[in-house]
Amino acid sequence: MVEDDGPGIPEAERPRLTERGTRLDESVNGHGLGLAIASDIVDAYGGELAFDRSADLGGLAVRVTLPPLSAE
């Protein structure tokens, strides 16, 4: 889980966070690739990337859930 104390992301905008080239915060430099790449990596491992509002800090909360390693 990663959380911040920023203004947060409206729930309706959260699905766009993993679109390549999408930047919801235009006040800082960037290319809109970070969460798209993170999403691809999590998907490759069969996991889930979820966005919510941080209960403690008020900003965005990002949760990565990965399946347990299989014993091969």
PDB file of N, CA and C in Angstrom:
ATOM      1  N   MET A   1       0.855  -1.170   0.000  1.00  0.00           N
ATOM      2  CA  MET A   1       0.000   0.000   0.000  1.00  0.00           C
ATOM      3  C   MET A   1       0.899   1.230   0.000  1.00  0.00           C
ATOM      4  N   VAL A   2       0.582   2.165  -0.871  1.00  0.00           N
ATOM      5  CA  VAL A   2       1.255   3.464  -0.924  1.00  0.00           C
ATOM      6  C   VAL A   2       0.159   4.517  -0.823  1.00  0.00           C
ATOM      7  N   GLU A   3       0.356   5.490   0.073  1.00  0.00           N
ATOM      8  CA  GLU A   3      -0.641   6.536   0.282  1.00  0.00           C
ATOM      9  C   GLU A   3       0.031   7.900   0.248  1.00  0.00           C
ATOM     10  N   ASP A   4      -0.747   8.921  -0.126  1.00  0.00           N
ATOM     11  CA  ASP A   4      -0.214  10.276  -0.057  1.00  0.00           C
ATOM     12  C   ASP A   4      -1.239  11.211   0.570  1.00  0.00           C
ATOM     13  N   ASP A   5      -0.797  12.436   0.837  1.00  0.00           N
ATOM     14  CA  ASP A   5      -1.671  13.411   1.488  1.00  0.00           C
ATOM     15  C   ASP A   5      -2.113  14.512   0.534  1.00  0.00           C
ATOM     16  N   GLY A   6      -2.066  14.225  -0.768  1.00  0.00           N
ATOM     17  CA  GLY A   6      -2.482  15.204  -1.767  1.00  0.00           C
ATOM     18  C   GLY A   6      -3.995  15.350  -1.811  1.00  0.00           C
ATOM     19  N   PRO A   7      -4.487  15.984  -2.874  1.00  0.00           N
ATOM     20  CA  PRO A   7      -5.921  16.228  -2.991  1.00  0.00           C
ATOM     21  C   PRO A   7      -6.728  14.984  -3.320  1.00  0.00           C
ATOM     22  N   GLY A   8      -6.061  13.899  -3.679  1.00  0.00           N
ATOM     23  CA  GLY A   8      -6.772  12.676  -4.038  1.00  0.00           C
ATOM     24  C   GLY A   8      -7.222  12.712  -5.487  1.00  0.00           C
ATOM     25  N   ILE A   9      -7.821  11.622  -5.920  1.00  0.00           N
ATOM     26  CA  ILE A   9      -8.323  11.487  -7.289  1.00  0.00           C
ATOM     27  C   ILE A   9      -9.805  11.143  -7.186  1.00  0.00           C
ATOM     28  N   PRO A  10     -10.665  11.895  -7.857  1.00  0.00           N
ATOM     29  CA  PRO A  10     -12.093  11.544  -7.831  1.00  0.00           C
ATOM     30  C   PRO A  10     -12.298  10.111  -8.322  1.00  0.00           C
ATOM     31  N   GLU A  11     -13.225   9.415  -7.714  1.00  0.00           N
ATOM     32  CA  GLU A  11     -13.468   8.008  -8.039  1.00  0.00           C
ATOM     33  C   GLU A  11     -13.710   7.798  -9.531  1.00  0.00           C
ATOM     34  N   ALA A  12     -14.412   8.708 -10.169  1.00  0.00           N
ATOM     35  CA  ALA A  12     -14.715   8.575 -11.598  1.00  0.00           C
ATOM     36  C   ALA A  12     -13.463   8.657 -12.467  1.00  0.00           C
ATOM     37  N   GLU A  13     -12.399   9.292 -11.986  1.00  0.00           N
ATOM     38  CA  GLU A  13     -11.157   9.442 -12.744  1.00  0.00           C
ATOM     39  C   GLU A  13     -10.166   8.305 -12.512  1.00  0.00           C
ATOM     40  N   ARG A  14     -10.350   7.520 -11.486  1.00  0.00           N
ATOM     41  CA  ARG A  14      -9.365   6.489 -11.108  1.00  0.00           C
ATOM     42  C   ARG A  14      -9.094   5.456 -12.196  1.00  0.00           C
ATOM     43  N   PRO A  15     -10.103   5.014 -12.960  1.00  0.00           N
ATOM     44  CA  PRO A  15      -9.789   4.041 -14.023  1.00  0.00           C
ATOM     45  C   PRO A  15      -8.800   4.584 -15.067  1.00  0.00           C
ATOM     46  N   ARG A  16      -8.729   5.875 -15.239  1.00  0.00           N
ATOM     47  CA  ARG A  16      -7.818   6.483 -16.210  1.00  0.00           C
ATOM     48  C   ARG A  16      -6.363   6.481 -15.740  1.00  0.00           C
ATOM     49  N   LEU A  17      -6.117   6.228 -14.462  1.00  0.00           N
ATOM     50  CA  LEU A  17      -4.763   6.308 -13.918  1.00  0.00           C
ATOM     51  C   LEU A  17      -3.782   5.350 -14.576  1.00  0.00           C
ATOM     52  N   THR A  18      -4.262   4.249 -15.128  1.00  0.00           N
ATOM     53  CA  THR A  18      -3.363   3.264 -15.731  1.00  0.00           C
ATOM     54  C   THR A  18      -3.320   3.374 -17.256  1.00  0.00           C
ATOM     55  N   GLU A  19      -3.928   4.393 -17.837  1.00  0.00           N
ATOM     56  CA  GLU A  19      -3.855   4.606 -19.284  1.00  0.00           C
ATOM     57  C   GLU A  19      -2.523   5.276 -19.620  1.00  0.00           C
ATOM     58  N   ARG A  20      -1.790   4.706 -20.562  1.00  0.00           N
ATOM     59  CA  ARG A  20      -0.500   5.277 -20.966  1.00  0.00           C
ATOM     60  C   ARG A  20      -0.699   6.698 -21.475  1.00  0.00           C
ATOM     61  N   GLY A  21       0.150   7.591 -20.986  1.00  0.00           N
ATOM     62  CA  GLY A  21       0.121   8.979 -21.427  1.00  0.00           C
ATOM     63  C   GLY A  21      -0.896   9.853 -20.718  1.00  0.00           C
ATOM     64  N   THR A  22      -1.681   9.274 -19.831  1.00  0.00           N
ATOM     65  CA  THR A  22      -2.676  10.053 -19.091  1.00  0.00           C
ATOM     66  C   THR A  22      -2.046  10.640 -17.850  1.00  0.00           C
ATOM     67  N   ARG A  23      -2.150  11.950 -17.718  1.00  0.00           N
ATOM     68  CA  ARG A  23      -1.658  12.637 -16.524  1.00  0.00           C
ATOM     69  C   ARG A  23      -2.810  13.454 -15.968  1.00  0.00           C
ATOM     70  N   LEU A  24      -3.228  13.128 -14.780  1.00  0.00           N
ATOM     71  CA  LEU A  24      -4.331  13.863 -14.164  1.00  0.00           C
ATOM     72  C   LEU A  24      -3.847  15.093 -13.423  1.00  0.00           C
ATOM     73  N   ASP A  25      -2.546  15.145 -13.101  1.00  0.00           N
ATOM     74  CA  ASP A  25      -1.967  16.308 -12.427  1.00  0.00           C
ATOM     75  C   ASP A  25      -1.037  17.012 -13.406  1.00  0.00           C
ATOM     76  N   GLU A  26      -1.533  18.040 -14.056  1.00  0.00           N
ATOM     77  CA  GLU A  26      -0.747  18.764 -15.061  1.00  0.00           C
ATOM     78  C   GLU A  26       0.182  19.805 -14.436  1.00  0.00           C
ATOM     79  N   SER A  27       0.179  19.926 -13.104  1.00  0.00           N
ATOM     80  CA  SER A  27       1.003  20.944 -12.455  1.00  0.00           C
ATOM     81  C   SER A  27       2.462  20.510 -12.278  1.00  0.00           C
ATOM     82  N   VAL A  28       2.758  19.231 -12.558  1.00  0.00           N
ATOM     83  CA  VAL A  28       4.127  18.734 -12.451  1.00  0.00           C
ATOM     84  C   VAL A  28       4.521  18.063 -13.761  1.00  0.00           C
ATOM     85  N   ASN A  29       5.829  18.007 -14.024  1.00  0.00           N
ATOM     86  CA  ASN A  29       6.320  17.355 -15.233  1.00  0.00           C
ATOM     87  C   ASN A  29       6.141  15.850 -15.135  1.00  0.00           C
ATOM     88  N   GLY A  30       5.996  15.234 -16.271  1.00  0.00           N
ATOM     89  CA  GLY A  30       5.889  13.782 -16.332  1.00  0.00           C
ATOM     90  C   GLY A  30       5.293  13.363 -17.657  1.00  0.00           C
ATOM     91  N   HIS A  31       5.270  12.059 -17.882  1.00  0.00           N
ATOM     92  CA  HIS A  31       4.781  11.531 -19.146  1.00  0.00           C
ATOM     93  C   HIS A  31       3.561  10.636 -18.991  1.00  0.00           C
ATOM     94  N   GLY A  32       3.115  10.390 -17.757  1.00  0.00           N
ATOM     95  CA  GLY A  32       1.941   9.559 -17.560  1.00  0.00           C
ATOM     96  C   GLY A  32       2.191   8.092 -17.822  1.00  0.00           C
ATOM     97  N   LEU A  33       3.380   7.616 -17.504  1.00  0.00           N
ATOM     98  CA  LEU A  33       3.713   6.212 -17.750  1.00  0.00           C
ATOM     99  C   LEU A  33       3.836   5.384 -16.474  1.00  0.00           C
ATOM    100  N   GLY A  34       4.103   6.004 -15.350  1.00  0.00           N
ATOM    101  CA  GLY A  34       4.417   5.283 -14.119  1.00  0.00           C
ATOM    102  C   GLY A  34       3.380   4.265 -13.695  1.00  0.00           C
ATOM    103  N   LEU A  35       2.143   4.676 -13.539  1.00  0.00           N
ATOM    104  CA  LEU A  35       1.111   3.742 -13.078  1.00  0.00           C
ATOM    105  C   LEU A  35       0.710   2.765 -14.176  1.00  0.00           C
ATOM    106  N   ALA A  36       0.857   3.153 -15.452  1.00  0.00           N
ATOM    107  CA  ALA A  36       0.586   2.226 -16.551  1.00  0.00           C
ATOM    108  C   ALA A  36       1.601   1.087 -16.532  1.00  0.00           C
ATOM    109  N   ILE A  37       2.862   1.416 -16.322  1.00  0.00           N
ATOM    110  CA  ILE A  37       3.908   0.389 -16.246  1.00  0.00           C
ATOM    111  C   ILE A  37       3.707  -0.473 -15.007  1.00  0.00           C
ATOM    112  N   ALA A  38       3.409   0.150 -13.878  1.00  0.00           N
ATOM    113  CA  ALA A  38       3.149  -0.615 -12.646  1.00  0.00           C
ATOM    114  C   ALA A  38       1.991  -1.581 -12.863  1.00  0.00           C
ATOM    115  N   SER A  39       0.951  -1.136 -13.534  1.00  0.00           N
ATOM    116  CA  SER A  39      -0.209  -1.986 -13.805  1.00  0.00           C
ATOM    117  C   SER A  39       0.185  -3.181 -14.678  1.00  0.00           C
ATOM    118  N   ASP A  40       1.001  -2.940 -15.707  1.00  0.00           N
ATOM    119  CA  ASP A  40       1.460  -4.036 -16.572  1.00  0.00           C
ATOM    120  C   ASP A  40       2.251  -5.070 -15.786  1.00  0.00           C
ATOM    121  N   ILE A  41       3.118  -4.620 -14.896  1.00  0.00           N
ATOM    122  CA  ILE A  41       3.927  -5.539 -14.086  1.00  0.00           C
ATOM    123  C   ILE A  41       3.044  -6.355 -13.149  1.00  0.00           C
ATOM    124  N   VAL A  42       2.126  -5.683 -12.475  1.00  0.00           N
ATOM    125  CA  VAL A  42       1.220  -6.378 -11.554  1.00  0.00           C
ATOM    126  C   VAL A  42       0.373  -7.400 -12.321  1.00  0.00           C
ATOM    127  N   ASP A  43      -0.124  -7.018 -13.512  1.00  0.00           N
ATOM    128  CA  ASP A  43      -0.901  -7.951 -14.340  1.00  0.00           C
ATOM    129  C   ASP A  43      -0.060  -9.167 -14.733  1.00  0.00           C
ATOM    130  N   ALA A  44       1.205  -8.941 -15.092  1.00  0.00           N
ATOM    131  CA  ALA A  44       2.078 -10.042 -15.510  1.00  0.00           C
ATOM    132  C   ALA A  44       2.265 -11.082 -14.407  1.00  0.00           C
ATOM    133  N   TYR A  45       2.165 -10.648 -13.167  1.00  0.00           N
ATOM    134  CA  TYR A  45       2.307 -11.557 -12.032  1.00  0.00           C
ATOM    135  C   TYR A  45       0.955 -12.045 -11.505  1.00  0.00           C
ATOM    136  N   GLY A  46      -0.116 -11.738 -12.227  1.00  0.00           N
ATOM    137  CA  GLY A  46      -1.439 -12.209 -11.832  1.00  0.00           C
ATOM    138  C   GLY A  46      -2.013 -11.477 -10.639  1.00  0.00           C
ATOM    139  N   GLY A  47      -1.552 -10.257 -10.421  1.00  0.00           N
ATOM    140  CA  GLY A  47      -2.006  -9.486  -9.268  1.00  0.00           C
ATOM    141  C   GLY A  47      -3.065  -8.462  -9.606  1.00  0.00           C
ATOM    142  N   GLU A  48      -3.314  -7.601  -8.652  1.00  0.00           N
ATOM    143  CA  GLU A  48      -4.335  -6.568  -8.793  1.00  0.00           C
ATOM    144  C   GLU A  48      -3.778  -5.242  -8.282  1.00  0.00           C
ATOM    145  N   LEU A  49      -4.070  -4.182  -9.013  1.00  0.00           N
ATOM    146  CA  LEU A  49      -3.708  -2.820  -8.637  1.00  0.00           C
ATOM    147  C   LEU A  49      -5.016  -2.089  -8.392  1.00  0.00           C
ATOM    148  N   ALA A  50      -5.206  -1.581  -7.181  1.00  0.00           N
ATOM    149  CA  ALA A  50      -6.468  -0.926  -6.820  1.00  0.00           C
ATOM    150  C   ALA A  50      -6.205   0.471  -6.281  1.00  0.00           C
ATOM    151  N   PHE A  51      -7.114   1.375  -6.584  1.00  0.00           N
ATOM    152  CA  PHE A  51      -7.008   2.770  -6.152  1.00  0.00           C
ATOM    153  C   PHE A  51      -8.165   3.109  -5.237  1.00  0.00           C
ATOM    154  N   ASP A  52      -7.862   3.897  -4.209  1.00  0.00           N
ATOM    155  CA  ASP A  52      -8.885   4.310  -3.248  1.00  0.00           C
ATOM    156  C   ASP A  52      -8.441   5.632  -2.647  1.00  0.00           C
ATOM    157  N   ARG A  53      -9.188   6.111  -1.680  1.00  0.00           N
ATOM    158  CA  ARG A  53      -8.817   7.308  -0.929  1.00  0.00           C
ATOM    159  C   ARG A  53      -8.159   6.855   0.366  1.00  0.00           C
ATOM    160  N   SER A  54      -7.060   7.497   0.719  1.00  0.00           N
ATOM    161  CA  SER A  54      -6.357   7.159   1.944  1.00  0.00           C
ATOM    162  C   SER A  54      -7.180   7.591   3.157  1.00  0.00           C
ATOM    163  N   ALA A  55      -7.519   6.640   4.001  1.00  0.00           N
ATOM    164  CA  ALA A  55      -8.289   6.952   5.209  1.00  0.00           C
ATOM    165  C   ALA A  55      -7.470   7.790   6.183  1.00  0.00           C
ATOM    166  N   ASP A  56      -6.153   7.557   6.211  1.00  0.00           N
ATOM    167  CA  ASP A  56      -5.298   8.263   7.168  1.00  0.00           C
ATOM    168  C   ASP A  56      -4.796   9.610   6.658  1.00  0.00           C
ATOM    169  N   LEU A  57      -4.461   9.679   5.363  1.00  0.00           N
ATOM    170  CA  LEU A  57      -3.819  10.884   4.832  1.00  0.00           C
ATOM    171  C   LEU A  57      -4.731  11.737   3.953  1.00  0.00           C
ATOM    172  N   GLY A  58      -5.819  11.163   3.452  1.00  0.00           N
ATOM    173  CA  GLY A  58      -6.776  11.922   2.659  1.00  0.00           C
ATOM    174  C   GLY A  58      -6.527  11.935   1.174  1.00  0.00           C
ATOM    175  N   GLY A  59      -5.330  11.560   0.723  1.00  0.00           N
ATOM    176  CA  GLY A  59      -5.012  11.564  -0.701  1.00  0.00           C
ATOM    177  C   GLY A  59      -5.292  10.218  -1.338  1.00  0.00           C
ATOM    178  N   LEU A  60      -4.539   9.916  -2.365  1.00  0.00           N
ATOM    179  CA  LEU A  60      -4.691   8.660  -3.084  1.00  0.00           C
ATOM    180  C   LEU A  60      -4.041   7.517  -2.310  1.00  0.00           C
ATOM    181  N   ALA A  61      -4.673   6.367  -2.343  1.00  0.00           N
ATOM    182  CA  ALA A  61      -4.108   5.133  -1.798  1.00  0.00           C
ATOM    183  C   ALA A  61      -4.046   4.128  -2.942  1.00  0.00           C
ATOM    184  N   VAL A  62      -2.880   3.532  -3.137  1.00  0.00           N
ATOM    185  CA  VAL A  62      -2.680   2.537  -4.184  1.00  0.00           C
ATOM    186  C   VAL A  62      -2.307   1.232  -3.493  1.00  0.00           C
ATOM    187  N   ARG A  63      -3.074   0.187  -3.799  1.00  0.00           N
ATOM    188  CA  ARG A  63      -2.811  -1.121  -3.180  1.00  0.00           C
ATOM    189  C   ARG A  63      -2.435  -2.116  -4.275  1.00  0.00           C
ATOM    190  N   VAL A  64      -1.322  -2.804  -4.064  1.00  0.00           N
ATOM    191  CA  VAL A  64      -0.897  -3.880  -4.952  1.00  0.00           C
ATOM    192  C   VAL A  64      -1.097  -5.193  -4.203  1.00  0.00           C
ATOM    193  N   THR A  65      -1.824  -6.097  -4.820  1.00  0.00           N
ATOM    194  CA  THR A  65      -2.038  -7.429  -4.253  1.00  0.00           C
ATOM    195  C   THR A  65      -1.507  -8.452  -5.255  1.00  0.00           C
ATOM    196  N   LEU A  66      -0.602  -9.294  -4.792  1.00  0.00           N
ATOM    197  CA  LEU A  66      -0.011 -10.321  -5.635  1.00  0.00           C
ATOM    198  C   LEU A  66      -0.371 -11.704  -5.084  1.00  0.00           C
ATOM    199  N   PRO A  67      -0.553 -12.670  -5.975  1.00  0.00           N
ATOM    200  CA  PRO A  67      -0.845 -14.019  -5.486  1.00  0.00           C
ATOM    201  C   PRO A  67       0.390 -14.619  -4.829  1.00  0.00           C
ATOM    202  N   PRO A  68       0.208 -15.594  -3.953  1.00  0.00           N
ATOM    203  CA  PRO A  68       1.357 -16.249  -3.321  1.00  0.00           C
ATOM    204  C   PRO A  68       2.188 -16.985  -4.376  1.00  0.00           C
ATOM    205  N   LEU A  69       3.477 -17.105  -4.117  1.00  0.00           N
ATOM    206  CA  LEU A  69       4.352 -17.855  -5.004  1.00  0.00           C
ATOM    207  C   LEU A  69       3.980 -19.337  -4.971  1.00  0.00           C
ATOM    208  N   SER A  70       4.019 -19.958  -6.126  1.00  0.00           N
ATOM    209  CA  SER A  70       3.753 -21.386  -6.143  1.00  0.00           C
ATOM    210  C   SER A  70       5.066 -22.134  -5.926  1.00  0.00           C
ATOM    211  N   ALA A  71       4.995 -23.256  -5.263  1.00  0.00           N
ATOM    212  CA  ALA A  71       6.187 -24.077  -4.999  1.00  0.00           C
ATOM    213  C   ALA A  71       6.407 -24.992  -6.178  1.00  0.00           C
ATOM    214  N   GLU A  72       7.364 -24.643  -7.031  1.00  0.00           N
ATOM    215  CA  GLU A  72       7.649 -25.471  -8.209  1.00  0.00           C
ATOM    216  C   GLU A  72       8.980 -26.136  -8.086  1.00  0.00           C
TER     217      GLU A  72
END
